Amino acid sequence: MHRNRSILWAGLLIAVGVFLLLQNVGAIPEKVEIWPLILVAIGVWLLAERLWFGGRWGGGFVWPLVLIAIGGVLFLQDIDALPDEEIVLPVIVIAVGIGLALSALARGGRSAGEAQPVTVPLEGASLATVHVKHGAGRLEIASMVGGETLVEGRCHGGAEVRTRRDGERIDVTLSARPWWGREHGAEWALSLNRLVPTSLDLDTGASESSLDLSDLQITDLSLDTGASKTRLDLPSTGRYTVAIRGGAATIRVRVPSHVAARIEARSGLATVRVDERRFPRTGTGWRSPDYDTAQHRADIRVDVGAATVEIE
């Protein structure tokens, strides 16, 4: 894929060079500017990415067609093939409409209720790193009983799955498909293997998330969220770290009753509420009295903006 993209960029540079050469020898009038053609070339490049190489640039077909339309109109005006009237905006509207229609067709006629099944086998791996790049919509994560599968679930809106193996560790990334042309965001329901120690990285946007990690073996958790509502149940066993970052979010964190915790918070306009009966306030945050000796404990760091965070 990288080779194909390099060929496209090379073709763009060659086209620019040929244009400048023809203009220098007088074959192309000097009043014809190059940047409309560059817009067309970039639009064609993005369109080729979308059609042939599975690229995600440009939000489906909309942006490629918009760039081609703008560049094409301006070029035709430069060579006096079109009048110098305000026709760019109507052409953009038409291009957006065509792009949305093609984006809908590109989903292969898949109905709104149909979901993409996702299965990631362990294939002998005993450790895992899982990255979930969800974006907007609804996300549910739970656990499943062992077996030879690391991740399984169903993803409304589709998902791109990439895996990489390094010895006993498997690295999995699940990414939401481009949202343009979809009425709703991605709706995912995922289950993770409860017997595999896992480093979990969650990136959500304008979403509603229910994250039940209570039965999972999480070594470290990173949650980065935007304008969202999140319910997070932390693992009930092990010693692990939790990093929570968010914007205009509502985040509720439940720490299992037998798990000790150390909590530190940096916040802008945020409201951070901690159950001080379980986690008394210290000079820099909150801390369970038995944190240092606890068999099961969580080190929680919160860095949020205009958010409401509750830890209980």
C-alpha atoms as a PDB file:
ATOM      1  CA  MET A   1       0.000   0.000   0.000  1.00  0.00           C
ATOM      2  CA  HIS A   2       2.791   2.418   0.858  1.00  0.00           C
ATOM      3  CA  ARG A   3       4.377   1.654  -2.523  1.00  0.00           C
ATOM      4  CA  ASN A   4       1.126   2.503  -4.325  1.00  0.00           C
ATOM      5  CA  ARG A   5       0.815   5.772  -2.428  1.00  0.00           C
ATOM      6  CA  SER A   6       4.397   6.666  -3.317  1.00  0.00           C
ATOM      7  CA  ILE A   7       3.545   6.111  -6.978  1.00  0.00           C
ATOM      8  CA  LEU A   8       0.568   8.469  -6.669  1.00  0.00           C
ATOM      9  CA  TRP A   9       2.693  11.189  -5.078  1.00  0.00           C
ATOM     10  CA  ALA A  10       5.337  10.699  -7.769  1.00  0.00           C
ATOM     11  CA  GLY A  11       2.644  11.085 -10.453  1.00  0.00           C
ATOM     12  CA  LEU A  12       1.468  14.330  -8.834  1.00  0.00           C
ATOM     13  CA  LEU A  13       4.997  15.773  -8.790  1.00  0.00           C
ATOM     14  CA  ILE A  14       5.569  14.752 -12.414  1.00  0.00           C
ATOM     15  CA  ALA A  15       2.304  16.419 -13.460  1.00  0.00           C
ATOM     16  CA  VAL A  16       3.266  19.658 -11.683  1.00  0.00           C
ATOM     17  CA  GLY A  17       6.678  19.605 -13.338  1.00  0.00           C
ATOM     18  CA  VAL A  18       5.193  19.023 -16.801  1.00  0.00           C
ATOM     19  CA  PHE A  19       2.740  21.904 -16.296  1.00  0.00           C
ATOM     20  CA  LEU A  20       5.496  24.318 -15.273  1.00  0.00           C
ATOM     21  CA  LEU A  21       7.644  23.209 -18.206  1.00  0.00           C
ATOM     22  CA  LEU A  22       4.828  23.732 -20.743  1.00  0.00           C
ATOM     23  CA  GLN A  23       4.048  27.113 -19.237  1.00  0.00           C
ATOM     24  CA  ASN A  24       7.701  28.167 -19.449  1.00  0.00           C
ATOM     25  CA  VAL A  25       7.885  27.295 -23.172  1.00  0.00           C
ATOM     26  CA  GLY A  26       4.626  29.122 -23.876  1.00  0.00           C
ATOM     27  CA  ALA A  27       2.445  26.086 -24.555  1.00  0.00           C
ATOM     28  CA  ILE A  28       0.190  27.046 -21.621  1.00  0.00           C
ATOM     29  CA  PRO A  29      -0.818  30.721 -21.132  1.00  0.00           C
ATOM     30  CA  GLU A  30       0.741  32.433 -18.116  1.00  0.00           C
ATOM     31  CA  LYS A  31      -2.674  33.482 -16.804  1.00  0.00           C
ATOM     32  CA  VAL A  32      -3.519  29.814 -16.162  1.00  0.00           C
ATOM     33  CA  GLU A  33      -2.630  29.172 -12.514  1.00  0.00           C
ATOM     34  CA  ILE A  34      -1.360  25.858 -11.276  1.00  0.00           C
ATOM     35  CA  TRP A  35      -3.068  25.614  -7.905  1.00  0.00           C
ATOM     36  CA  PRO A  36      -6.539  24.695  -9.295  1.00  0.00           C
ATOM     37  CA  LEU A  37      -4.879  21.753 -11.010  1.00  0.00           C
ATOM     38  CA  ILE A  38      -3.155  20.829  -7.759  1.00  0.00           C
ATOM     39  CA  LEU A  39      -6.588  20.740  -6.089  1.00  0.00           C
ATOM     40  CA  VAL A  40      -7.817  18.440  -8.853  1.00  0.00           C
ATOM     41  CA  ALA A  41      -4.743  16.220  -8.504  1.00  0.00           C
ATOM     42  CA  ILE A  42      -5.141  15.929  -4.716  1.00  0.00           C
ATOM     43  CA  GLY A  43      -8.830  15.131  -5.180  1.00  0.00           C
ATOM     44  CA  VAL A  44      -7.988  12.417  -7.696  1.00  0.00           C
ATOM     45  CA  TRP A  45      -5.336  11.058  -5.323  1.00  0.00           C
ATOM     46  CA  LEU A  46      -7.818  10.876  -2.414  1.00  0.00           C
ATOM     47  CA  LEU A  47     -10.396   9.277  -4.692  1.00  0.00           C
ATOM     48  CA  ALA A  48      -7.883   6.642  -5.773  1.00  0.00           C
ATOM     49  CA  GLU A  49      -7.018   5.989  -2.129  1.00  0.00           C
ATOM     50  CA  ARG A  50     -10.674   5.452  -1.347  1.00  0.00           C
ATOM     51  CA  LEU A  51     -11.424   3.258  -4.359  1.00  0.00           C
ATOM     52  CA  TRP A  52      -8.330   1.084  -4.676  1.00  0.00           C
ATOM     53  CA  PHE A  53      -6.170   1.225  -1.583  1.00  0.00           C
ATOM     54  CA  GLY A  54      -8.760   1.373   1.203  1.00  0.00           C
ATOM     55  CA  GLY A  55      -7.545   4.771   2.375  1.00  0.00           C
ATOM     56  CA  ARG A  56      -9.485   6.726   5.001  1.00  0.00           C
ATOM     57  CA  TRP A  57      -8.414  10.226   4.020  1.00  0.00           C
ATOM     58  CA  GLY A  58     -11.017  12.766   3.076  1.00  0.00           C
ATOM     59  CA  GLY A  59     -14.189  11.368   4.697  1.00  0.00           C
ATOM     60  CA  GLY A  60     -15.253   8.936   1.971  1.00  0.00           C
ATOM     61  CA  PHE A  61     -16.065  10.342  -1.466  1.00  0.00           C
ATOM     62  CA  VAL A  62     -17.180  13.815  -0.390  1.00  0.00           C
ATOM     63  CA  TRP A  63     -13.890  15.664   0.031  1.00  0.00           C
ATOM     64  CA  PRO A  64     -12.229  14.193  -3.075  1.00  0.00           C
ATOM     65  CA  LEU A  65     -15.171  15.259  -5.245  1.00  0.00           C
ATOM     66  CA  VAL A  66     -15.302  18.712  -3.648  1.00  0.00           C
ATOM     67  CA  LEU A  67     -11.600  19.301  -4.367  1.00  0.00           C
ATOM     68  CA  ILE A  68     -11.977  18.073  -7.944  1.00  0.00           C
ATOM     69  CA  ALA A  69     -15.044  20.278  -8.455  1.00  0.00           C
ATOM     70  CA  ILE A  70     -13.426  23.459  -7.088  1.00  0.00           C
ATOM     71  CA  GLY A  71     -10.175  22.954  -8.956  1.00  0.00           C
ATOM     72  CA  GLY A  72     -11.953  21.996 -12.173  1.00  0.00           C
ATOM     73  CA  VAL A  73     -14.244  25.045 -12.157  1.00  0.00           C
ATOM     74  CA  LEU A  74     -11.400  27.460 -11.429  1.00  0.00           C
ATOM     75  CA  PHE A  75      -9.227  25.909 -14.156  1.00  0.00           C
ATOM     76  CA  LEU A  76     -12.040  26.119 -16.715  1.00  0.00           C
ATOM     77  CA  GLN A  77     -12.553  29.774 -15.754  1.00  0.00           C
ATOM     78  CA  ASP A  78      -8.821  30.411 -16.238  1.00  0.00           C
ATOM     79  CA  ILE A  79      -8.971  29.127 -19.824  1.00  0.00           C
ATOM     80  CA  ASP A  80     -12.244  31.024 -20.439  1.00  0.00           C
ATOM     81  CA  ALA A  81     -14.254  27.827 -20.892  1.00  0.00           C
ATOM     82  CA  LEU A  82     -16.640  28.960 -18.137  1.00  0.00           C
ATOM     83  CA  PRO A  83     -17.871  32.470 -17.297  1.00  0.00           C
ATOM     84  CA  ASP A  84     -16.325  34.262 -14.319  1.00  0.00           C
ATOM     85  CA  GLU A  85     -19.583  34.141 -12.389  1.00  0.00           C
ATOM     86  CA  GLU A  86     -20.313  32.781  -8.934  1.00  0.00           C
ATOM     87  CA  ILE A  87     -20.805  29.156  -9.883  1.00  0.00           C
ATOM     88  CA  VAL A  88     -18.330  27.580  -7.439  1.00  0.00           C
ATOM     89  CA  LEU A  89     -20.818  27.285  -4.549  1.00  0.00           C
ATOM     90  CA  PRO A  90     -23.532  25.477  -6.580  1.00  0.00           C
ATOM     91  CA  VAL A  91     -20.880  23.106  -7.922  1.00  0.00           C
ATOM     92  CA  ILE A  92     -19.681  22.379  -4.367  1.00  0.00           C
ATOM     93  CA  VAL A  93     -23.250  21.600  -3.279  1.00  0.00           C
ATOM     94  CA  ILE A  94     -23.649  19.217  -6.221  1.00  0.00           C
ATOM     95  CA  ALA A  95     -20.303  17.544  -5.428  1.00  0.00           C
ATOM     96  CA  VAL A  96     -21.275  17.048  -1.770  1.00  0.00           C
ATOM     97  CA  GLY A  97     -24.565  15.465  -2.830  1.00  0.00           C
ATOM     98  CA  ILE A  98     -22.849  13.091  -5.249  1.00  0.00           C
ATOM     99  CA  GLY A  99     -20.211  12.253  -2.626  1.00  0.00           C
ATOM    100  CA  LEU A 100     -22.816  11.377  -0.004  1.00  0.00           C
ATOM    101  CA  ALA A 101     -24.672   9.188  -2.486  1.00  0.00           C
ATOM    102  CA  LEU A 102     -21.485   7.347  -3.468  1.00  0.00           C
ATOM    103  CA  SER A 103     -20.511   6.926   0.195  1.00  0.00           C
ATOM    104  CA  ALA A 104     -23.881   5.297   0.859  1.00  0.00           C
ATOM    105  CA  LEU A 105     -23.458   2.968  -2.126  1.00  0.00           C
ATOM    106  CA  ALA A 106     -19.913   2.111  -1.043  1.00  0.00           C
ATOM    107  CA  ARG A 107     -21.265   0.520   2.086  1.00  0.00           C
ATOM    108  CA  GLY A 108     -22.516  -2.212  -0.194  1.00  0.00           C
ATOM    109  CA  GLY A 109     -26.176  -1.739   0.565  1.00  0.00           C
ATOM    110  CA  ARG A 110     -25.623  -2.700   4.184  1.00  0.00           C
ATOM    111  CA  SER A 111     -28.706  -1.858   6.240  1.00  0.00           C
ATOM    112  CA  ALA A 112     -28.520   0.330   9.331  1.00  0.00           C
ATOM    113  CA  GLY A 113     -29.225  -2.662  11.550  1.00  0.00           C
ATOM    114  CA  GLU A 114     -26.501  -4.918  10.122  1.00  0.00           C
ATOM    115  CA  ALA A 115     -23.302  -5.247  12.118  1.00  0.00           C
ATOM    116  CA  GLN A 116     -19.825  -6.380  11.172  1.00  0.00           C
ATOM    117  CA  PRO A 117     -18.672  -9.379  13.227  1.00  0.00           C
ATOM    118  CA  VAL A 118     -15.168  -9.029  14.675  1.00  0.00           C
ATOM    119  CA  THR A 119     -13.005 -11.907  15.895  1.00  0.00           C
ATOM    120  CA  VAL A 120      -9.311 -11.746  16.785  1.00  0.00           C
ATOM    121  CA  PRO A 121      -7.737 -15.143  17.590  1.00  0.00           C
ATOM    122  CA  LEU A 122      -4.932 -15.459  20.110  1.00  0.00           C
ATOM    123  CA  GLU A 123      -2.920 -17.947  18.049  1.00  0.00           C
ATOM    124  CA  GLY A 124      -0.750 -18.794  21.032  1.00  0.00           C
ATOM    125  CA  ALA A 125      -0.254 -15.274  22.399  1.00  0.00           C
ATOM    126  CA  SER A 126      -0.234 -14.946  26.202  1.00  0.00           C
ATOM    127  CA  LEU A 127      -0.028 -11.130  26.465  1.00  0.00           C
ATOM    128  CA  ALA A 128      -2.005  -8.461  24.616  1.00  0.00           C
ATOM    129  CA  THR A 129      -2.236  -4.779  23.821  1.00  0.00           C
ATOM    130  CA  VAL A 130      -5.604  -3.596  22.544  1.00  0.00           C
ATOM    131  CA  HIS A 131      -6.204  -0.153  21.031  1.00  0.00           C
ATOM    132  CA  VAL A 132      -9.840   0.858  20.475  1.00  0.00           C
ATOM    133  CA  LYS A 133     -10.249   3.990  18.305  1.00  0.00           C
ATOM    134  CA  HIS A 134     -13.990   4.334  18.431  1.00  0.00           C
ATOM    135  CA  GLY A 135     -14.898   7.974  17.801  1.00  0.00           C
ATOM    136  CA  ALA A 136     -18.563   8.944  17.993  1.00  0.00           C
ATOM    137  CA  GLY A 137     -21.463   6.659  18.865  1.00  0.00           C
ATOM    138  CA  ARG A 138     -21.879   3.979  21.528  1.00  0.00           C
ATOM    139  CA  LEU A 139     -19.243   1.620  22.899  1.00  0.00           C
ATOM    140  CA  GLU A 140     -19.704  -1.387  25.182  1.00  0.00           C
ATOM    141  CA  ILE A 141     -16.817  -3.482  26.481  1.00  0.00           C
ATOM    142  CA  ALA A 142     -17.200  -6.572  28.638  1.00  0.00           C
ATOM    143  CA  SER A 143     -15.374  -9.841  29.319  1.00  0.00           C
ATOM    144  CA  MET A 144     -15.718 -13.357  27.964  1.00  0.00           C
ATOM    145  CA  VAL A 145     -14.611 -16.742  29.184  1.00  0.00           C
ATOM    146  CA  GLY A 146     -11.134 -17.774  27.974  1.00  0.00           C
ATOM    147  CA  GLY A 147     -10.786 -19.828  24.854  1.00  0.00           C
ATOM    148  CA  GLU A 148      -8.570 -19.143  21.857  1.00  0.00           C
ATOM    149  CA  THR A 149     -10.048 -15.714  21.064  1.00  0.00           C
ATOM    150  CA  LEU A 150      -8.731 -12.387  22.353  1.00  0.00           C
ATOM    151  CA  VAL A 151     -11.483 -10.076  21.049  1.00  0.00           C
ATOM    152  CA  GLU A 152     -14.907 -10.770  19.654  1.00  0.00           C
ATOM    153  CA  GLY A 153     -17.942  -8.612  19.064  1.00  0.00           C
ATOM    154  CA  ARG A 154     -20.206  -6.863  16.603  1.00  0.00           C
ATOM    155  CA  CYS A 155     -19.563  -3.398  15.179  1.00  0.00           C
ATOM    156  CA  HIS A 156     -22.411  -1.397  13.670  1.00  0.00           C
ATOM    157  CA  GLY A 157     -20.825   1.122  11.305  1.00  0.00           C
ATOM    158  CA  GLY A 158     -17.914  -1.198  10.616  1.00  0.00           C
ATOM    159  CA  ALA A 159     -14.398  -1.483  12.002  1.00  0.00           C
ATOM    160  CA  GLU A 160     -10.907  -1.841  10.614  1.00  0.00           C
ATOM    161  CA  VAL A 161      -8.855  -4.449  12.478  1.00  0.00           C
ATOM    162  CA  ARG A 162      -5.060  -4.573  12.438  1.00  0.00           C
ATOM    163  CA  THR A 163      -2.923  -7.074  14.323  1.00  0.00           C
ATOM    164  CA  ARG A 164       0.798  -7.347  14.941  1.00  0.00           C
ATOM    165  CA  ARG A 165       2.646 -10.082  16.795  1.00  0.00           C
ATOM    166  CA  ASP A 166       5.907  -9.828  18.718  1.00  0.00           C
ATOM    167  CA  GLY A 167       6.842 -13.034  20.471  1.00  0.00           C
ATOM    168  CA  GLU A 168       4.183 -13.907  23.035  1.00  0.00           C
ATOM    169  CA  ARG A 169       2.444 -10.513  22.679  1.00  0.00           C
ATOM    170  CA  ILE A 170      -0.289  -9.628  20.205  1.00  0.00           C
ATOM    171  CA  ASP A 171      -1.037  -5.974  19.411  1.00  0.00           C
ATOM    172  CA  VAL A 172      -4.561  -5.277  18.133  1.00  0.00           C
ATOM    173  CA  THR A 173      -6.013  -1.992  16.829  1.00  0.00           C
ATOM    174  CA  LEU A 174      -9.721  -1.558  16.095  1.00  0.00           C
ATOM    175  CA  SER A 175     -10.543   1.683  14.271  1.00  0.00           C
ATOM    176  CA  ALA A 176     -13.924   3.111  13.312  1.00  0.00           C
ATOM    177  CA  ARG A 177     -14.548   3.563   9.614  1.00  0.00           C
ATOM    178  CA  PRO A 178     -15.043   7.116   8.226  1.00  0.00           C
ATOM    179  CA  TRP A 179     -18.273   8.519   9.659  1.00  0.00           C
ATOM    180  CA  TRP A 180     -19.271  10.815   6.763  1.00  0.00           C
ATOM    181  CA  GLY A 181     -22.521   9.705   5.189  1.00  0.00           C
ATOM    182  CA  ARG A 182     -23.602   7.695   8.244  1.00  0.00           C
ATOM    183  CA  GLU A 183     -26.615   9.012  10.144  1.00  0.00           C
ATOM    184  CA  HIS A 184     -25.387   7.700  13.487  1.00  0.00           C
ATOM    185  CA  GLY A 185     -21.978   7.031  14.953  1.00  0.00           C
ATOM    186  CA  ALA A 186     -20.416   3.630  15.416  1.00  0.00           C
ATOM    187  CA  GLU A 187     -22.176   1.249  17.798  1.00  0.00           C
ATOM    188  CA  TRP A 188     -19.780  -1.415  19.043  1.00  0.00           C
ATOM    189  CA  ALA A 189     -20.207  -4.271  21.525  1.00  0.00           C
ATOM    190  CA  LEU A 190     -16.869  -5.942  22.261  1.00  0.00           C
ATOM    191  CA  SER A 191     -15.759  -8.704  24.617  1.00  0.00           C
ATOM    192  CA  LEU A 192     -12.153  -9.290  25.725  1.00  0.00           C
ATOM    193  CA  ASN A 193     -10.586 -12.509  26.968  1.00  0.00           C
ATOM    194  CA  ARG A 194     -10.595 -12.415  30.769  1.00  0.00           C
ATOM    195  CA  LEU A 195      -7.600 -14.761  31.101  1.00  0.00           C
ATOM    196  CA  VAL A 196      -5.083 -12.739  29.059  1.00  0.00           C
ATOM    197  CA  PRO A 197      -3.144  -9.872  30.728  1.00  0.00           C
ATOM    198  CA  THR A 198      -4.001  -6.877  28.559  1.00  0.00           C
ATOM    199  CA  SER A 199      -2.861  -3.294  28.139  1.00  0.00           C
ATOM    200  CA  LEU A 200      -5.989  -1.411  27.055  1.00  0.00           C
ATOM    201  CA  ASP A 201      -6.016   1.934  25.209  1.00  0.00           C
ATOM    202  CA  LEU A 202      -9.429   3.518  24.554  1.00  0.00           C
ATOM    203  CA  ASP A 203      -9.957   6.595  22.377  1.00  0.00           C
ATOM    204  CA  THR A 204     -13.569   7.786  22.184  1.00  0.00           C
ATOM    205  CA  GLY A 205     -15.163  11.002  20.954  1.00  0.00           C
ATOM    206  CA  ALA A 206     -18.771  12.166  21.253  1.00  0.00           C
ATOM    207  CA  SER A 207     -19.897   8.856  22.642  1.00  0.00           C
ATOM    208  CA  GLU A 208     -21.731   6.964  25.334  1.00  0.00           C
ATOM    209  CA  SER A 209     -19.573   4.212  26.773  1.00  0.00           C
ATOM    210  CA  SER A 210     -20.230   1.344  29.158  1.00  0.00           C
ATOM    211  CA  LEU A 211     -16.899  -0.238  30.085  1.00  0.00           C
ATOM    212  CA  ASP A 212     -17.169  -3.252  32.387  1.00  0.00           C
ATOM    213  CA  LEU A 213     -13.584  -4.342  32.995  1.00  0.00           C
ATOM    214  CA  SER A 214     -14.273  -5.942  36.376  1.00  0.00           C
ATOM    215  CA  ASP A 215     -13.434  -9.501  35.251  1.00  0.00           C
ATOM    216  CA  LEU A 216     -10.489  -8.609  33.022  1.00  0.00           C
ATOM    217  CA  GLN A 217      -6.761  -8.822  33.708  1.00  0.00           C
ATOM    218  CA  ILE A 218      -5.805  -5.245  32.849  1.00  0.00           C
ATOM    219  CA  THR A 219      -2.174  -4.267  33.334  1.00  0.00           C
ATOM    220  CA  ASP A 220      -2.752  -0.617  32.435  1.00  0.00           C
ATOM    221  CA  LEU A 221      -5.682   1.396  31.092  1.00  0.00           C
ATOM    222  CA  SER A 222      -5.687   4.632  29.105  1.00  0.00           C
ATOM    223  CA  LEU A 223      -9.004   6.376  28.442  1.00  0.00           C
ATOM    224  CA  ASP A 224      -9.039   9.461  26.225  1.00  0.00           C
ATOM    225  CA  THR A 225     -12.533  10.818  25.641  1.00  0.00           C
ATOM    226  CA  GLY A 226     -14.266  13.926  24.333  1.00  0.00           C
ATOM    227  CA  ALA A 227     -17.827  15.192  24.799  1.00  0.00           C
ATOM    228  CA  SER A 228     -19.038  11.914  26.214  1.00  0.00           C
ATOM    229  CA  LYS A 229     -20.770   9.981  28.955  1.00  0.00           C
ATOM    230  CA  THR A 230     -18.734   7.089  30.336  1.00  0.00           C
ATOM    231  CA  ARG A 231     -19.374   4.435  32.972  1.00  0.00           C
ATOM    232  CA  LEU A 232     -16.165   2.600  33.881  1.00  0.00           C
ATOM    233  CA  ASP A 233     -15.993  -0.457  36.166  1.00  0.00           C
ATOM    234  CA  LEU A 234     -12.364  -1.143  37.040  1.00  0.00           C
ATOM    235  CA  PRO A 235     -10.808  -4.632  37.289  1.00  0.00           C
ATOM    236  CA  SER A 236     -11.354  -6.493  40.551  1.00  0.00           C
ATOM    237  CA  THR A 237      -7.918  -8.127  40.629  1.00  0.00           C
ATOM    238  CA  GLY A 238      -4.298  -7.158  40.083  1.00  0.00           C
ATOM    239  CA  ARG A 239      -2.210  -4.036  40.373  1.00  0.00           C
ATOM    240  CA  TYR A 240      -2.712  -1.662  37.467  1.00  0.00           C
ATOM    241  CA  THR A 241      -2.571   1.977  36.393  1.00  0.00           C
ATOM    242  CA  VAL A 242      -5.433   4.060  35.013  1.00  0.00           C
ATOM    243  CA  ALA A 243      -4.967   7.292  33.024  1.00  0.00           C
ATOM    244  CA  ILE A 244      -8.141   9.245  32.254  1.00  0.00           C
ATOM    245  CA  ARG A 245      -8.132  12.260  29.953  1.00  0.00           C
ATOM    246  CA  GLY A 246     -11.256  14.063  28.811  1.00  0.00           C
ATOM    247  CA  GLY A 247     -12.910  17.237  27.649  1.00  0.00           C
ATOM    248  CA  ALA A 248     -16.565  18.113  28.203  1.00  0.00           C
ATOM    249  CA  ALA A 249     -17.323  14.683  29.620  1.00  0.00           C
ATOM    250  CA  THR A 250     -19.231  12.956  32.384  1.00  0.00           C
ATOM    251  CA  ILE A 251     -17.161  10.060  33.719  1.00  0.00           C
ATOM    252  CA  ARG A 252     -18.216   7.729  36.522  1.00  0.00           C
ATOM    253  CA  VAL A 253     -15.609   5.300  37.819  1.00  0.00           C
ATOM    254  CA  ARG A 254     -16.400   2.376  40.110  1.00  0.00           C
ATOM    255  CA  VAL A 255     -13.523   0.831  42.056  1.00  0.00           C
ATOM    256  CA  PRO A 256     -14.390  -2.695  43.320  1.00  0.00           C
ATOM    257  CA  SER A 257     -14.886  -2.836  47.085  1.00  0.00           C
ATOM    258  CA  HIS A 258     -11.752  -4.906  47.827  1.00  0.00           C
ATOM    259  CA  VAL A 259      -9.469  -2.859  45.534  1.00  0.00           C
ATOM    260  CA  ALA A 260      -7.360  -0.093  47.081  1.00  0.00           C
ATOM    261  CA  ALA A 261      -6.679   3.060  45.101  1.00  0.00           C
ATOM    262  CA  ARG A 262      -4.429   6.083  44.887  1.00  0.00           C
ATOM    263  CA  ILE A 263      -6.056   8.952  43.007  1.00  0.00           C
ATOM    264  CA  GLU A 264      -4.518  12.131  41.610  1.00  0.00           C
ATOM    265  CA  ALA A 265      -6.445  14.717  39.622  1.00  0.00           C
ATOM    266  CA  ARG A 266      -5.487  17.682  37.460  1.00  0.00           C
ATOM    267  CA  SER A 267      -8.469  19.608  36.194  1.00  0.00           C
ATOM    268  CA  GLY A 268      -9.419  22.891  34.598  1.00  0.00           C
ATOM    269  CA  LEU A 269     -13.106  23.677  34.994  1.00  0.00           C
ATOM    270  CA  ALA A 270     -13.841  20.131  36.076  1.00  0.00           C
ATOM    271  CA  THR A 271     -15.718  18.790  39.071  1.00  0.00           C
ATOM    272  CA  VAL A 272     -14.000  15.777  40.630  1.00  0.00           C
ATOM    273  CA  ARG A 273     -15.897  13.905  43.335  1.00  0.00           C
ATOM    274  CA  VAL A 274     -14.237  11.063  45.243  1.00  0.00           C
ATOM    275  CA  ASP A 275     -15.755   8.807  47.900  1.00  0.00           C
ATOM    276  CA  GLU A 276     -13.607   9.992  50.784  1.00  0.00           C
ATOM    277  CA  ARG A 277     -14.985   7.316  53.105  1.00  0.00           C
ATOM    278  CA  ARG A 278     -13.013   4.778  51.066  1.00  0.00           C
ATOM    279  CA  PHE A 279     -10.301   7.060  49.777  1.00  0.00           C
ATOM    280  CA  PRO A 280      -9.375   9.743  52.331  1.00  0.00           C
ATOM    281  CA  ARG A 281      -7.930  12.967  51.003  1.00  0.00           C
ATOM    282  CA  THR A 282      -4.163  13.411  51.181  1.00  0.00           C
ATOM    283  CA  GLY A 283      -1.982  16.364  50.315  1.00  0.00           C
ATOM    284  CA  THR A 284      -1.925  15.598  46.593  1.00  0.00           C
ATOM    285  CA  GLY A 285      -5.119  13.605  46.072  1.00  0.00           C
ATOM    286  CA  TRP A 286      -6.876  10.645  47.654  1.00  0.00           C
ATOM    287  CA  ARG A 287      -5.526   7.338  48.935  1.00  0.00           C
ATOM    288  CA  SER A 288      -6.755   4.118  50.530  1.00  0.00           C
ATOM    289  CA  PRO A 289      -5.236   3.609  53.997  1.00  0.00           C
ATOM    290  CA  ASP A 290      -3.997   0.145  52.965  1.00  0.00           C
ATOM    291  CA  TYR A 291      -2.790   1.103  49.498  1.00  0.00           C
ATOM    292  CA  ASP A 292       0.868   0.209  50.079  1.00  0.00           C
ATOM    293  CA  THR A 293       0.120  -3.335  51.277  1.00  0.00           C
ATOM    294  CA  ALA A 294      -2.983  -4.131  49.209  1.00  0.00           C
ATOM    295  CA  GLN A 295      -2.865  -7.186  46.943  1.00  0.00           C
ATOM    296  CA  HIS A 296      -5.274  -5.551  44.505  1.00  0.00           C
ATOM    297  CA  ARG A 297      -4.854  -1.839  43.852  1.00  0.00           C
ATOM    298  CA  ALA A 298      -5.306   0.848  41.218  1.00  0.00           C
ATOM    299  CA  ASP A 299      -3.175   3.918  40.583  1.00  0.00           C
ATOM    300  CA  ILE A 300      -5.608   6.419  39.017  1.00  0.00           C
ATOM    301  CA  ARG A 301      -4.601   9.686  37.355  1.00  0.00           C
ATOM    302  CA  VAL A 302      -7.254  12.075  36.060  1.00  0.00           C
ATOM    303  CA  ASP A 303      -6.487  14.964  33.695  1.00  0.00           C
ATOM    304  CA  VAL A 304      -9.679  16.589  32.419  1.00  0.00           C
ATOM    305  CA  GLY A 305     -11.072  19.904  31.258  1.00  0.00           C
ATOM    306  CA  ALA A 306     -14.712  20.940  31.614  1.00  0.00           C
ATOM    307  CA  ALA A 307     -15.791  17.551  32.917  1.00  0.00           C
ATOM    308  CA  THR A 308     -17.572  15.892  35.804  1.00  0.00           C
ATOM    309  CA  VAL A 309     -15.733  12.910  37.277  1.00  0.00           C
ATOM    310  CA  GLU A 310     -17.059  10.686  40.043  1.00  0.00           C
ATOM    311  CA  ILE A 311     -14.939   7.947  41.634  1.00  0.00           C
ATOM    312  CA  GLU A 312     -16.604   5.604  44.060  1.00  0.00           C
END
